[in-house]
Amino acid sequence: MTDTIEELRKKMEAAAAALDFEEARRLRDVISLMRGGATADEAATADLSGLTRQQQGAMGLGTSQERLAPPSGWTPPTKPDLMTKGRGKRR
């Protein structure tokens, strides 16, 4: 298994064109591992079953961060009254 990244990319595109999306996904993950520094043999024998991808749009357009949820029972603090701001101080 001495496929280069370019050969794997061509195989991935051919699998996607043949509507074999599982094989295309597997090849994409092998390419990612090889670009990360793994050898071709390590990438080919790696267990990719637990690999999960980011959910697109979890935070909004163009981000990959998740939304933070406040803890249960939390209430936001009251906003200050802008009409009385600084009235208690003498200058």
C-alpha atoms as a PDB file:
ATOM      1  CA  MET A   1       0.000   0.000   0.000  1.00  0.00           C
ATOM      2  CA  THR A   2       2.302   2.718  -1.233  1.00  0.00           C
ATOM      3  CA  ASP A   3      -0.351   5.008  -2.679  1.00  0.00           C
ATOM      4  CA  THR A   4       0.495   8.651  -2.717  1.00  0.00           C
ATOM      5  CA  ILE A   5      -1.937  11.365  -1.717  1.00  0.00           C
ATOM      6  CA  GLU A   6      -2.541  12.303  -5.342  1.00  0.00           C
ATOM      7  CA  GLU A   7      -3.422   8.705  -6.280  1.00  0.00           C
ATOM      8  CA  LEU A   8      -5.752   8.439  -3.296  1.00  0.00           C
ATOM      9  CA  ARG A   9      -7.407  11.724  -4.252  1.00  0.00           C
ATOM     10  CA  LYS A  10      -8.072  10.393  -7.766  1.00  0.00           C
ATOM     11  CA  LYS A  11      -9.522   7.169  -6.312  1.00  0.00           C
ATOM     12  CA  MET A  12     -11.686   9.236  -3.955  1.00  0.00           C
ATOM     13  CA  GLU A  13     -13.052  11.335  -6.822  1.00  0.00           C
ATOM     14  CA  ALA A  14     -13.735   8.198  -8.871  1.00  0.00           C
ATOM     15  CA  ALA A  15     -15.580   6.614  -5.939  1.00  0.00           C
ATOM     16  CA  ALA A  16     -17.661   9.768  -5.479  1.00  0.00           C
ATOM     17  CA  ALA A  17     -18.458   9.845  -9.198  1.00  0.00           C
ATOM     18  CA  ALA A  18     -19.581   6.206  -8.952  1.00  0.00           C
ATOM     19  CA  LEU A  19     -21.799   7.204  -5.977  1.00  0.00           C
ATOM     20  CA  ASP A  20     -19.779   5.033  -3.574  1.00  0.00           C
ATOM     21  CA  PHE A  21     -19.717   7.655  -0.852  1.00  0.00           C
ATOM     22  CA  GLU A  22     -18.550   5.344   1.947  1.00  0.00           C
ATOM     23  CA  GLU A  23     -15.386   4.485   0.024  1.00  0.00           C
ATOM     24  CA  ALA A  24     -14.881   8.157  -0.837  1.00  0.00           C
ATOM     25  CA  ARG A  25     -15.243   9.057   2.863  1.00  0.00           C
ATOM     26  CA  ARG A  26     -12.751   6.356   3.874  1.00  0.00           C
ATOM     27  CA  LEU A  27     -10.242   7.578   1.302  1.00  0.00           C
ATOM     28  CA  ARG A  28     -10.737  11.187   2.448  1.00  0.00           C
ATOM     29  CA  ASP A  29      -9.943  10.172   6.022  1.00  0.00           C
ATOM     30  CA  VAL A  30      -6.847   8.223   4.895  1.00  0.00           C
ATOM     31  CA  ILE A  31      -5.656  11.310   2.999  1.00  0.00           C
ATOM     32  CA  SER A  32      -6.191  13.435   6.108  1.00  0.00           C
ATOM     33  CA  LEU A  33      -4.130  11.010   8.189  1.00  0.00           C
ATOM     34  CA  MET A  34      -1.341  11.003   5.618  1.00  0.00           C
ATOM     35  CA  ARG A  35      -1.277  14.789   5.498  1.00  0.00           C
ATOM     36  CA  GLY A  36      -1.065  14.736   9.290  1.00  0.00           C
ATOM     37  CA  GLY A  37       2.145  12.713   9.179  1.00  0.00           C
ATOM     38  CA  ALA A  38       1.048   9.080   9.125  1.00  0.00           C
ATOM     39  CA  THR A  39       2.673   6.691   6.694  1.00  0.00           C
ATOM     40  CA  ALA A  40       0.600   5.060   3.958  1.00  0.00           C
ATOM     41  CA  ASP A  41       0.541   1.724   5.814  1.00  0.00           C
ATOM     42  CA  GLU A  42      -0.476   3.349   9.112  1.00  0.00           C
ATOM     43  CA  ALA A  43      -3.216   5.347   7.422  1.00  0.00           C
ATOM     44  CA  ALA A  44      -4.533   2.296   5.555  1.00  0.00           C
ATOM     45  CA  THR A  45      -4.789   0.176   8.723  1.00  0.00           C
ATOM     46  CA  ALA A  46      -6.110   2.936  11.032  1.00  0.00           C
ATOM     47  CA  ASP A  47      -9.510   2.441  12.659  1.00  0.00           C
ATOM     48  CA  LEU A  48     -11.642   5.328  11.386  1.00  0.00           C
ATOM     49  CA  SER A  49     -14.958   4.126  12.786  1.00  0.00           C
ATOM     50  CA  GLY A  50     -14.935   6.503  15.769  1.00  0.00           C
ATOM     51  CA  LEU A  51     -13.899   9.541  13.760  1.00  0.00           C
ATOM     52  CA  THR A  52     -16.549  12.252  13.787  1.00  0.00           C
ATOM     53  CA  ARG A  53     -16.594  15.393  11.703  1.00  0.00           C
ATOM     54  CA  GLN A  54     -17.608  18.866  12.795  1.00  0.00           C
ATOM     55  CA  GLN A  55     -21.226  19.804  12.323  1.00  0.00           C
ATOM     56  CA  GLN A  56     -21.472  22.681   9.900  1.00  0.00           C
ATOM     57  CA  GLY A  57     -23.127  25.807  11.184  1.00  0.00           C
ATOM     58  CA  ALA A  58     -23.199  24.757  14.839  1.00  0.00           C
ATOM     59  CA  MET A  59     -22.497  28.347  15.900  1.00  0.00           C
ATOM     60  CA  GLY A  60     -23.426  30.203  12.748  1.00  0.00           C
ATOM     61  CA  LEU A  61     -22.067  30.872   9.326  1.00  0.00           C
ATOM     62  CA  GLY A  62     -18.358  30.239   8.958  1.00  0.00           C
ATOM     63  CA  THR A  63     -17.649  29.056  12.501  1.00  0.00           C
ATOM     64  CA  SER A  64     -16.934  25.677  13.967  1.00  0.00           C
ATOM     65  CA  GLN A  65     -17.485  26.536  17.633  1.00  0.00           C
ATOM     66  CA  GLU A  66     -20.402  25.130  19.532  1.00  0.00           C
ATOM     67  CA  ARG A  67     -23.014  27.276  21.209  1.00  0.00           C
ATOM     68  CA  LEU A  68     -22.551  27.682  24.925  1.00  0.00           C
ATOM     69  CA  ALA A  69     -25.596  26.976  27.071  1.00  0.00           C
ATOM     70  CA  PRO A  70     -25.953  28.608  30.484  1.00  0.00           C
ATOM     71  CA  PRO A  71     -26.161  26.287  33.484  1.00  0.00           C
ATOM     72  CA  SER A  72     -29.597  25.310  34.702  1.00  0.00           C
ATOM     73  CA  GLY A  73     -31.142  27.829  37.075  1.00  0.00           C
ATOM     74  CA  TRP A  74     -28.987  30.723  35.846  1.00  0.00           C
ATOM     75  CA  THR A  75     -30.703  34.069  35.397  1.00  0.00           C
ATOM     76  CA  PRO A  76     -29.073  36.997  33.635  1.00  0.00           C
ATOM     77  CA  PRO A  77     -28.166  40.002  35.807  1.00  0.00           C
ATOM     78  CA  THR A  78     -30.326  43.094  35.638  1.00  0.00           C
ATOM     79  CA  LYS A  79     -29.244  45.812  33.280  1.00  0.00           C
ATOM     80  CA  PRO A  80     -28.252  49.160  34.797  1.00  0.00           C
ATOM     81  CA  ASP A  81     -30.647  52.076  34.458  1.00  0.00           C
ATOM     82  CA  LEU A  82     -29.074  54.496  31.997  1.00  0.00           C
ATOM     83  CA  MET A  83     -31.099  57.450  33.325  1.00  0.00           C
ATOM     84  CA  THR A  84     -29.494  57.269  36.763  1.00  0.00           C
ATOM     85  CA  LYS A  85     -25.938  56.454  35.734  1.00  0.00           C
ATOM     86  CA  GLY A  86     -23.500  58.740  37.537  1.00  0.00           C
ATOM     87  CA  ARG A  87     -26.163  60.799  39.357  1.00  0.00           C
ATOM     88  CA  GLY A  88     -24.940  59.845  42.813  1.00  0.00           C
ATOM     89  CA  LYS A  89     -21.477  61.344  42.297  1.00  0.00           C
ATOM     90  CA  ARG A  90     -20.553  64.991  42.695  1.00  0.00           C
ATOM     91  CA  ARG A  91     -17.978  66.402  40.375  1.00  0.00           C
END
